[in-house]
Amino acid sequence: MDLSNMRIIDLSQNWDGNTPSFATYEGPTVKWIKRPAFEKVGGQFISSTLHVGTHLDAPLHFITNGQDIGSIPLSKLVGPGVVVDLEAMGLGDYDIYTSQHFEEWERKTGLHIEPGDIVVVHTGYHKYYQSNWYGKCEPNEIRYFNMHPGPTHEFVDWTLKRQISWYAIDASSMDHPMNTVLRIVRSDLAAKCAKKHGKPLEEIWPEDDLQLMHYQLFPHGVFHVENAGGMIDEVLDQRVWIGCFPWKFNGGEAAFCVRGQIISAILFVHWRLPL
């Protein structure tokens, strides 16, 4: 294969001591424990939960004895896929995306989501992430975590019918934020979401559909990368090769990862840890 005309596109977000974690998860700590001036070498100590920055959720995250990070083969994590631009379809704060949006995207672009494809979902909300490092950046963590669009149960059924391999999204979750613990943590925003949709959130997402993109897809091996972003705007509405590279974490329920794509070939996702 001639790789000379391929371009690597990095979809990972920066990671540092200020990178925000998801609600109820402890954020990162980075400190120096050795200095060249004293120990003749520099050394750092890092502590963090795993749901910080660009990361891959393994089925073990929601399923007892589910598949862990270390047992997901690279052949699953690298493959062909598409980048679906939902922002261009007018989806915004608190909106719900459906299978109809994705099928309309297919008609509009002439691209087809094939069985086994990896699907990257572009909401445009990566620009609100404070660790976003490329392109337009409008840091607003309230909007980023609490207001991005998400799906309902019908999208789970469509995903399985279309045999999608896994997802990545430029937002904090593939689930709608108000179908997560955020409905409780930010009840003030939950009320605004319900007002926008004109019905109680319990009617949109009943208890059995809580975090459905996790609970209902992970048992089928359809997991996802959260907090993608970076250079994603460079590859909208394209068919590409995609790769996600977490460290081989045996027993891990999630892992920081390198995620990316190459135009005409691959997208690349990894752990961006600036000095």
C-alpha atoms as a PDB file:
ATOM      1  CA  MET A   1       0.000   0.000   0.000  1.00  0.00           C
ATOM      2  CA  ASP A   2       1.330   3.410  -0.978  1.00  0.00           C
ATOM      3  CA  LEU A   3       1.060   5.673   2.080  1.00  0.00           C
ATOM      4  CA  SER A   4       2.739   8.706   0.543  1.00  0.00           C
ATOM      5  CA  ASN A   5      -0.551  10.503  -0.161  1.00  0.00           C
ATOM      6  CA  MET A   6      -2.181   9.723   3.151  1.00  0.00           C
ATOM      7  CA  ARG A   7      -2.701  12.379   5.791  1.00  0.00           C
ATOM      8  CA  ILE A   8      -2.934  11.605   9.482  1.00  0.00           C
ATOM      9  CA  ILE A   9      -5.720  13.503  11.253  1.00  0.00           C
ATOM     10  CA  ASP A  10      -5.548  13.618  15.056  1.00  0.00           C
ATOM     11  CA  LEU A  11      -8.944  13.541  16.744  1.00  0.00           C
ATOM     12  CA  SER A  12      -7.603  13.420  20.290  1.00  0.00           C
ATOM     13  CA  GLN A  13      -7.969  16.226  22.783  1.00  0.00           C
ATOM     14  CA  ASN A  14      -5.153  17.561  24.944  1.00  0.00           C
ATOM     15  CA  TRP A  15      -4.805  16.037  28.389  1.00  0.00           C
ATOM     16  CA  ASP A  16      -3.368  17.836  31.414  1.00  0.00           C
ATOM     17  CA  GLY A  17      -4.080  18.627  35.039  1.00  0.00           C
ATOM     18  CA  ASN A  18      -6.916  20.974  34.058  1.00  0.00           C
ATOM     19  CA  THR A  19      -8.737  18.575  31.728  1.00  0.00           C
ATOM     20  CA  PRO A  20     -12.286  18.235  33.096  1.00  0.00           C
ATOM     21  CA  SER A  21     -13.691  14.854  34.062  1.00  0.00           C
ATOM     22  CA  PHE A  22     -17.282  13.720  33.651  1.00  0.00           C
ATOM     23  CA  ALA A  23     -19.779  14.393  36.465  1.00  0.00           C
ATOM     24  CA  THR A  24     -19.058  12.504  39.725  1.00  0.00           C
ATOM     25  CA  TYR A  25     -15.622  11.357  38.448  1.00  0.00           C
ATOM     26  CA  GLU A  26     -12.451  12.656  40.064  1.00  0.00           C
ATOM     27  CA  GLY A  27     -10.301  14.795  37.794  1.00  0.00           C
ATOM     28  CA  PRO A  28      -6.578  14.420  37.081  1.00  0.00           C
ATOM     29  CA  THR A  29      -3.598  15.353  39.227  1.00  0.00           C
ATOM     30  CA  VAL A  30      -0.169  15.865  37.709  1.00  0.00           C
ATOM     31  CA  LYS A  31       2.837  16.637  39.899  1.00  0.00           C
ATOM     32  CA  TRP A  32       6.616  16.508  39.705  1.00  0.00           C
ATOM     33  CA  ILE A  33       8.241  13.979  42.057  1.00  0.00           C
ATOM     34  CA  LYS A  34      11.779  14.279  40.664  1.00  0.00           C
ATOM     35  CA  ARG A  35      13.661  17.308  39.324  1.00  0.00           C
ATOM     36  CA  PRO A  36      16.852  17.381  37.245  1.00  0.00           C
ATOM     37  CA  ALA A  37      18.316  19.896  39.723  1.00  0.00           C
ATOM     38  CA  PHE A  38      18.157  17.409  42.593  1.00  0.00           C
ATOM     39  CA  GLU A  39      17.656  13.848  41.340  1.00  0.00           C
ATOM     40  CA  LYS A  40      19.405  14.469  37.999  1.00  0.00           C
ATOM     41  CA  VAL A  41      16.247  13.380  36.226  1.00  0.00           C
ATOM     42  CA  GLY A  42      12.690  14.637  35.855  1.00  0.00           C
ATOM     43  CA  GLY A  43       9.785  12.441  36.917  1.00  0.00           C
ATOM     44  CA  GLN A  44       6.050  12.980  37.195  1.00  0.00           C
ATOM     45  CA  PHE A  45       3.251  11.313  39.119  1.00  0.00           C
ATOM     46  CA  ILE A  46      -0.212  11.189  37.543  1.00  0.00           C
ATOM     47  CA  SER A  47      -3.470  10.140  39.159  1.00  0.00           C
ATOM     48  CA  SER A  48      -6.819  10.214  37.425  1.00  0.00           C
ATOM     49  CA  THR A  49     -10.039   8.407  36.800  1.00  0.00           C
ATOM     50  CA  LEU A  50     -10.277   7.081  33.255  1.00  0.00           C
ATOM     51  CA  HIS A  51     -13.188   9.172  31.991  1.00  0.00           C
ATOM     52  CA  VAL A  52     -11.098  12.269  31.370  1.00  0.00           C
ATOM     53  CA  GLY A  53     -10.162  13.585  27.947  1.00  0.00           C
ATOM     54  CA  THR A  54     -10.342  11.392  24.842  1.00  0.00           C
ATOM     55  CA  HIS A  55     -10.982   7.865  26.054  1.00  0.00           C
ATOM     56  CA  LEU A  56     -12.451   4.544  25.020  1.00  0.00           C
ATOM     57  CA  ASP A  57     -15.194   2.910  27.096  1.00  0.00           C
ATOM     58  CA  ALA A  58     -14.957  -0.867  27.196  1.00  0.00           C
ATOM     59  CA  PRO A  59     -18.071  -3.014  27.806  1.00  0.00           C
ATOM     60  CA  LEU A  60     -16.664  -3.707  31.313  1.00  0.00           C
ATOM     61  CA  HIS A  61     -17.534  -0.097  32.151  1.00  0.00           C
ATOM     62  CA  PHE A  62     -21.211  -1.091  32.375  1.00  0.00           C
ATOM     63  CA  ILE A  63     -21.257  -4.901  32.363  1.00  0.00           C
ATOM     64  CA  THR A  64     -19.984  -7.130  35.167  1.00  0.00           C
ATOM     65  CA  ASN A  65     -17.292  -9.410  33.667  1.00  0.00           C
ATOM     66  CA  GLY A  66     -17.717  -7.628  30.336  1.00  0.00           C
ATOM     67  CA  GLN A  67     -14.951  -7.256  27.779  1.00  0.00           C
ATOM     68  CA  ASP A  68     -12.058  -5.187  29.114  1.00  0.00           C
ATOM     69  CA  ILE A  69      -9.792  -2.784  27.261  1.00  0.00           C
ATOM     70  CA  GLY A  70      -6.917  -5.258  27.047  1.00  0.00           C
ATOM     71  CA  SER A  71      -9.000  -7.905  25.295  1.00  0.00           C
ATOM     72  CA  ILE A  72     -10.316  -5.680  22.498  1.00  0.00           C
ATOM     73  CA  PRO A  73      -8.258  -6.666  19.444  1.00  0.00           C
ATOM     74  CA  LEU A  74      -6.640  -4.059  17.217  1.00  0.00           C
ATOM     75  CA  SER A  75      -8.560  -5.546  14.302  1.00  0.00           C
ATOM     76  CA  LYS A  76     -11.717  -4.218  15.994  1.00  0.00           C
ATOM     77  CA  LEU A  77     -10.188  -0.821  16.747  1.00  0.00           C
ATOM     78  CA  VAL A  78      -8.885  -0.093  13.239  1.00  0.00           C
ATOM     79  CA  GLY A  79     -11.039  -0.097  10.139  1.00  0.00           C
ATOM     80  CA  PRO A  80     -13.084   1.796   7.575  1.00  0.00           C
ATOM     81  CA  GLY A  81     -15.706   4.294   8.564  1.00  0.00           C
ATOM     82  CA  VAL A  82     -17.363   7.648   8.029  1.00  0.00           C
ATOM     83  CA  VAL A  83     -17.552  11.040   9.708  1.00  0.00           C
ATOM     84  CA  VAL A  84     -21.175  12.187   9.991  1.00  0.00           C
ATOM     85  CA  ASP A  85     -21.675  15.935  10.380  1.00  0.00           C
ATOM     86  CA  LEU A  86     -24.808  16.467  12.468  1.00  0.00           C
ATOM     87  CA  GLU A  87     -23.990  20.102  13.188  1.00  0.00           C
ATOM     88  CA  ALA A  88     -24.567  20.952   9.517  1.00  0.00           C
ATOM     89  CA  MET A  89     -28.064  19.477   9.850  1.00  0.00           C
ATOM     90  CA  GLY A  90     -28.969  22.101  12.420  1.00  0.00           C
ATOM     91  CA  LEU A  91     -28.782  19.971  15.574  1.00  0.00           C
ATOM     92  CA  GLY A  92     -27.957  21.979  18.677  1.00  0.00           C
ATOM     93  CA  ASP A  93     -28.605  22.368  22.389  1.00  0.00           C
ATOM     94  CA  TYR A  94     -30.614  19.526  23.945  1.00  0.00           C
ATOM     95  CA  ASP A  95     -31.678  18.203  20.519  1.00  0.00           C
ATOM     96  CA  ILE A  96     -32.314  14.537  19.777  1.00  0.00           C
ATOM     97  CA  TYR A  97     -30.681  12.867  16.805  1.00  0.00           C
ATOM     98  CA  THR A  98     -32.331   9.877  15.203  1.00  0.00           C
ATOM     99  CA  SER A  99     -31.663   7.251  12.557  1.00  0.00           C
ATOM    100  CA  GLN A 100     -33.454   9.543  10.120  1.00  0.00           C
ATOM    101  CA  HIS A 101     -30.689  12.118  10.485  1.00  0.00           C
ATOM    102  CA  PHE A 102     -28.073   9.529   9.553  1.00  0.00           C
ATOM    103  CA  GLU A 103     -30.066   8.238   6.606  1.00  0.00           C
ATOM    104  CA  GLU A 104     -30.665  11.790   5.419  1.00  0.00           C
ATOM    105  CA  TRP A 105     -26.893  12.300   5.715  1.00  0.00           C
ATOM    106  CA  GLU A 106     -26.379   9.292   3.443  1.00  0.00           C
ATOM    107  CA  ARG A 107     -28.724  10.741   0.826  1.00  0.00           C
ATOM    108  CA  LYS A 108     -27.142  14.178   1.068  1.00  0.00           C
ATOM    109  CA  THR A 109     -23.508  13.038   0.805  1.00  0.00           C
ATOM    110  CA  GLY A 110     -23.919   9.980  -1.408  1.00  0.00           C
ATOM    111  CA  LEU A 111     -21.940   7.998   1.151  1.00  0.00           C
ATOM    112  CA  HIS A 112     -23.294   4.793   2.670  1.00  0.00           C
ATOM    113  CA  ILE A 113     -22.732   3.486   6.178  1.00  0.00           C
ATOM    114  CA  GLU A 114     -21.674  -0.093   5.542  1.00  0.00           C
ATOM    115  CA  PRO A 115     -21.961  -3.070   7.922  1.00  0.00           C
ATOM    116  CA  GLY A 116     -18.865  -3.115  10.117  1.00  0.00           C
ATOM    117  CA  ASP A 117     -18.163   0.608   9.707  1.00  0.00           C
ATOM    118  CA  ILE A 118     -16.832   2.793  12.495  1.00  0.00           C
ATOM    119  CA  VAL A 119     -18.957   5.937  12.743  1.00  0.00           C
ATOM    120  CA  VAL A 120     -17.580   9.242  13.992  1.00  0.00           C
ATOM    121  CA  VAL A 121     -20.353  11.603  15.091  1.00  0.00           C
ATOM    122  CA  HIS A 122     -19.631  15.313  14.682  1.00  0.00           C
ATOM    123  CA  THR A 123     -21.895  17.536  16.782  1.00  0.00           C
ATOM    124  CA  GLY A 124     -19.573  20.547  16.742  1.00  0.00           C
ATOM    125  CA  TYR A 125     -19.522  20.606  20.541  1.00  0.00           C
ATOM    126  CA  HIS A 126     -15.791  19.847  20.679  1.00  0.00           C
ATOM    127  CA  LYS A 127     -15.225  23.576  20.248  1.00  0.00           C
ATOM    128  CA  TYR A 128     -16.724  24.126  23.715  1.00  0.00           C
ATOM    129  CA  TYR A 129     -14.255  21.716  25.354  1.00  0.00           C
ATOM    130  CA  GLN A 130     -11.597  23.619  27.278  1.00  0.00           C
ATOM    131  CA  SER A 131      -8.875  21.201  26.132  1.00  0.00           C
ATOM    132  CA  ASN A 132      -9.709  21.614  22.442  1.00  0.00           C
ATOM    133  CA  TRP A 133      -6.476  22.550  20.672  1.00  0.00           C
ATOM    134  CA  TYR A 134      -7.288  22.864  16.980  1.00  0.00           C
ATOM    135  CA  GLY A 135      -9.536  25.174  14.999  1.00  0.00           C
ATOM    136  CA  LYS A 136     -12.404  27.114  16.518  1.00  0.00           C
ATOM    137  CA  CYS A 137     -12.381  27.103  20.310  1.00  0.00           C
ATOM    138  CA  GLU A 138     -15.084  28.628  22.521  1.00  0.00           C
ATOM    139  CA  PRO A 139     -14.549  27.062  25.979  1.00  0.00           C
ATOM    140  CA  ASN A 140     -17.866  26.498  27.754  1.00  0.00           C
ATOM    141  CA  GLU A 141     -17.904  23.376  29.890  1.00  0.00           C
ATOM    142  CA  ILE A 142     -21.537  23.870  30.940  1.00  0.00           C
ATOM    143  CA  ARG A 143     -22.662  23.681  27.334  1.00  0.00           C
ATOM    144  CA  TYR A 144     -20.152  20.965  26.413  1.00  0.00           C
ATOM    145  CA  PHE A 145     -21.140  18.488  29.107  1.00  0.00           C
ATOM    146  CA  ASN A 146     -24.818  19.298  29.622  1.00  0.00           C
ATOM    147  CA  MET A 147     -26.345  20.415  26.337  1.00  0.00           C
ATOM    148  CA  HIS A 148     -25.042  18.377  23.391  1.00  0.00           C
ATOM    149  CA  PRO A 149     -27.522  16.335  21.323  1.00  0.00           C
ATOM    150  CA  GLY A 150     -28.106  12.629  21.848  1.00  0.00           C
ATOM    151  CA  PRO A 151     -30.395   9.723  20.826  1.00  0.00           C
ATOM    152  CA  THR A 152     -33.356   7.739  22.093  1.00  0.00           C
ATOM    153  CA  HIS A 153     -34.068   4.006  22.031  1.00  0.00           C
ATOM    154  CA  GLU A 154     -34.869   3.823  18.335  1.00  0.00           C
ATOM    155  CA  PHE A 155     -31.256   4.681  17.545  1.00  0.00           C
ATOM    156  CA  VAL A 156     -30.054   1.599  19.415  1.00  0.00           C
ATOM    157  CA  ASP A 157     -32.242  -0.616  17.251  1.00  0.00           C
ATOM    158  CA  TRP A 158     -31.006   1.118  14.089  1.00  0.00           C
ATOM    159  CA  THR A 159     -27.359   0.745  15.159  1.00  0.00           C
ATOM    160  CA  LEU A 160     -27.731  -3.004  15.577  1.00  0.00           C
ATOM    161  CA  LYS A 161     -29.694  -3.339  12.341  1.00  0.00           C
ATOM    162  CA  ARG A 162     -26.986  -1.475  10.415  1.00  0.00           C
ATOM    163  CA  GLN A 163     -24.230  -3.520  12.110  1.00  0.00           C
ATOM    164  CA  ILE A 164     -22.111  -0.537  13.108  1.00  0.00           C
ATOM    165  CA  SER A 165     -18.834  -1.597  14.698  1.00  0.00           C
ATOM    166  CA  TRP A 166     -18.385   1.264  17.173  1.00  0.00           C
ATOM    167  CA  TYR A 167     -18.787   5.002  17.539  1.00  0.00           C
ATOM    168  CA  ALA A 168     -16.734   8.043  18.409  1.00  0.00           C
ATOM    169  CA  ILE A 169     -18.194  11.444  19.249  1.00  0.00           C
ATOM    170  CA  ASP A 170     -16.904  14.975  19.728  1.00  0.00           C
ATOM    171  CA  ALA A 171     -18.920  15.338  22.939  1.00  0.00           C
ATOM    172  CA  SER A 172     -18.797  13.942  26.452  1.00  0.00           C
ATOM    173  CA  SER A 173     -21.030  10.950  25.714  1.00  0.00           C
ATOM    174  CA  MET A 174     -22.892   9.135  22.961  1.00  0.00           C
ATOM    175  CA  ASP A 175     -25.883   9.336  25.294  1.00  0.00           C
ATOM    176  CA  HIS A 176     -27.911  12.503  25.585  1.00  0.00           C
ATOM    177  CA  PRO A 177     -26.639  14.345  28.683  1.00  0.00           C
ATOM    178  CA  MET A 178     -30.136  14.355  30.141  1.00  0.00           C
ATOM    179  CA  ASN A 179     -30.196  10.568  29.865  1.00  0.00           C
ATOM    180  CA  THR A 180     -27.265  10.339  32.271  1.00  0.00           C
ATOM    181  CA  VAL A 181     -26.635  11.304  35.890  1.00  0.00           C
ATOM    182  CA  LEU A 182     -26.632  14.907  34.679  1.00  0.00           C
ATOM    183  CA  ARG A 183     -30.441  14.874  34.777  1.00  0.00           C
ATOM    184  CA  ILE A 184     -30.024  14.785  38.572  1.00  0.00           C
ATOM    185  CA  VAL A 185     -26.766  16.697  38.934  1.00  0.00           C
ATOM    186  CA  ARG A 186     -28.075  19.610  36.829  1.00  0.00           C
ATOM    187  CA  SER A 187     -31.802  19.459  37.470  1.00  0.00           C
ATOM    188  CA  ASP A 188     -32.035  23.142  36.517  1.00  0.00           C
ATOM    189  CA  LEU A 189     -30.827  22.332  33.002  1.00  0.00           C
ATOM    190  CA  ALA A 190     -32.976  19.199  32.879  1.00  0.00           C
ATOM    191  CA  ALA A 191     -36.008  21.443  33.346  1.00  0.00           C
ATOM    192  CA  LYS A 192     -34.909  23.581  30.389  1.00  0.00           C
ATOM    193  CA  CYS A 193     -34.454  20.474  28.244  1.00  0.00           C
ATOM    194  CA  ALA A 194     -37.931  19.212  29.153  1.00  0.00           C
ATOM    195  CA  LYS A 195     -39.401  22.617  28.331  1.00  0.00           C
ATOM    196  CA  LYS A 196     -37.743  22.587  24.913  1.00  0.00           C
ATOM    197  CA  HIS A 197     -39.184  19.166  24.087  1.00  0.00           C
ATOM    198  CA  GLY A 198     -42.589  19.938  25.606  1.00  0.00           C
ATOM    199  CA  LYS A 199     -42.768  16.796  27.709  1.00  0.00           C
ATOM    200  CA  PRO A 200     -41.214  15.258  30.847  1.00  0.00           C
ATOM    201  CA  LEU A 201     -37.816  13.720  30.264  1.00  0.00           C
ATOM    202  CA  GLU A 202     -39.120  10.473  31.752  1.00  0.00           C
ATOM    203  CA  GLU A 203     -41.375  10.138  28.719  1.00  0.00           C
ATOM    204  CA  ILE A 204     -38.452  10.562  26.331  1.00  0.00           C
ATOM    205  CA  TRP A 205     -36.056   8.341  28.284  1.00  0.00           C
ATOM    206  CA  PRO A 206     -37.897   6.023  30.689  1.00  0.00           C
ATOM    207  CA  GLU A 207     -35.932   4.352  33.458  1.00  0.00           C
ATOM    208  CA  ASP A 208     -35.263   1.233  31.384  1.00  0.00           C
ATOM    209  CA  ASP A 209     -33.547   3.396  28.747  1.00  0.00           C
ATOM    210  CA  LEU A 210     -31.064   5.045  31.112  1.00  0.00           C
ATOM    211  CA  GLN A 211     -27.743   5.571  29.282  1.00  0.00           C
ATOM    212  CA  LEU A 212     -29.000   3.295  26.516  1.00  0.00           C
ATOM    213  CA  MET A 213     -25.937   3.788  24.296  1.00  0.00           C
ATOM    214  CA  HIS A 214     -23.956   2.146  27.073  1.00  0.00           C
ATOM    215  CA  TYR A 215     -26.291  -0.355  28.703  1.00  0.00           C
ATOM    216  CA  GLN A 216     -27.993  -1.553  25.510  1.00  0.00           C
ATOM    217  CA  LEU A 217     -25.106  -1.520  23.005  1.00  0.00           C
ATOM    218  CA  PHE A 218     -22.107  -2.606  25.077  1.00  0.00           C
ATOM    219  CA  PRO A 219     -23.458  -6.185  25.438  1.00  0.00           C
ATOM    220  CA  HIS A 220     -23.289  -6.365  21.623  1.00  0.00           C
ATOM    221  CA  GLY A 221     -19.688  -5.141  21.512  1.00  0.00           C
ATOM    222  CA  VAL A 222     -20.696  -1.717  20.179  1.00  0.00           C
ATOM    223  CA  PHE A 223     -18.702   0.630  22.396  1.00  0.00           C
ATOM    224  CA  HIS A 224     -17.551   4.190  21.836  1.00  0.00           C
ATOM    225  CA  VAL A 225     -14.866   6.837  22.183  1.00  0.00           C
ATOM    226  CA  GLU A 226     -15.863   9.972  24.072  1.00  0.00           C
ATOM    227  CA  ASN A 227     -14.377  13.487  23.949  1.00  0.00           C
ATOM    228  CA  ALA A 228     -12.981  13.192  20.450  1.00  0.00           C
ATOM    229  CA  GLY A 229     -12.296  16.450  18.645  1.00  0.00           C
ATOM    230  CA  GLY A 230      -8.976  17.905  17.593  1.00  0.00           C
ATOM    231  CA  MET A 231      -8.831  18.057  13.796  1.00  0.00           C
ATOM    232  CA  ILE A 232     -12.262  16.523  13.238  1.00  0.00           C
ATOM    233  CA  ASP A 233     -13.461  19.490  11.161  1.00  0.00           C
ATOM    234  CA  GLU A 234     -10.877  18.535   8.517  1.00  0.00           C
ATOM    235  CA  VAL A 235     -12.674  15.298   7.653  1.00  0.00           C
ATOM    236  CA  LEU A 236     -16.393  16.006   7.799  1.00  0.00           C
ATOM    237  CA  ASP A 237     -18.640  13.998   5.490  1.00  0.00           C
ATOM    238  CA  GLN A 238     -15.865  11.708   4.328  1.00  0.00           C
ATOM    239  CA  ARG A 239     -15.118   8.002   4.187  1.00  0.00           C
ATOM    240  CA  VAL A 240     -11.809   7.296   5.900  1.00  0.00           C
ATOM    241  CA  TRP A 241      -9.842   4.682   7.790  1.00  0.00           C
ATOM    242  CA  ILE A 242     -10.057   5.056  11.546  1.00  0.00           C
ATOM    243  CA  GLY A 243      -7.844   3.848  14.349  1.00  0.00           C
ATOM    244  CA  CYS A 244      -8.171   3.981  18.119  1.00  0.00           C
ATOM    245  CA  PHE A 245      -5.179   2.958  20.235  1.00  0.00           C
ATOM    246  CA  PRO A 246      -5.660   2.630  24.001  1.00  0.00           C
ATOM    247  CA  TRP A 247      -2.873   1.173  26.062  1.00  0.00           C
ATOM    248  CA  LYS A 248      -3.259  -2.600  26.553  1.00  0.00           C
ATOM    249  CA  PHE A 249      -4.954  -2.295  29.910  1.00  0.00           C
ATOM    250  CA  ASN A 250      -5.885  -5.768  31.154  1.00  0.00           C
ATOM    251  CA  GLY A 251      -8.893  -5.473  33.426  1.00  0.00           C
ATOM    252  CA  GLY A 252      -9.487  -1.876  32.356  1.00  0.00           C
ATOM    253  CA  GLU A 253     -13.047  -0.579  32.081  1.00  0.00           C
ATOM    254  CA  ALA A 254     -11.834   2.372  30.018  1.00  0.00           C
ATOM    255  CA  ALA A 255      -8.554   3.859  28.814  1.00  0.00           C
ATOM    256  CA  PHE A 256      -7.093   7.077  27.523  1.00  0.00           C
ATOM    257  CA  CYS A 257      -6.518   6.585  23.838  1.00  0.00           C
ATOM    258  CA  VAL A 258      -4.985   7.798  20.670  1.00  0.00           C
ATOM    259  CA  ARG A 259      -7.679   8.270  18.111  1.00  0.00           C
ATOM    260  CA  GLY A 260      -7.364   9.510  14.571  1.00  0.00           C
ATOM    261  CA  GLN A 261      -8.043   9.253  10.891  1.00  0.00           C
ATOM    262  CA  ILE A 262      -6.112   9.614   7.692  1.00  0.00           C
ATOM    263  CA  ILE A 263      -7.781  11.355   4.782  1.00  0.00           C
ATOM    264  CA  SER A 264      -8.178   8.808   2.019  1.00  0.00           C
ATOM    265  CA  ALA A 265      -6.912   6.359   4.569  1.00  0.00           C
ATOM    266  CA  ILE A 266      -6.828   6.869   8.416  1.00  0.00           C
ATOM    267  CA  LEU A 267      -8.028   8.929  11.427  1.00  0.00           C
ATOM    268  CA  PHE A 268      -5.834   8.701  14.495  1.00  0.00           C
ATOM    269  CA  VAL A 269      -6.828   8.970  18.161  1.00  0.00           C
ATOM    270  CA  HIS A 270      -4.345   8.997  20.999  1.00  0.00           C
ATOM    271  CA  TRP A 271      -3.581  10.406  24.411  1.00  0.00           C
ATOM    272  CA  ARG A 272      -2.329  13.982  24.011  1.00  0.00           C
ATOM    273  CA  LEU A 273      -0.262  14.806  27.113  1.00  0.00           C
ATOM    274  CA  PRO A 274       1.456  18.190  26.594  1.00  0.00           C
ATOM    275  CA  LEU A 275       4.490  19.023  28.707  1.00  0.00           C
END
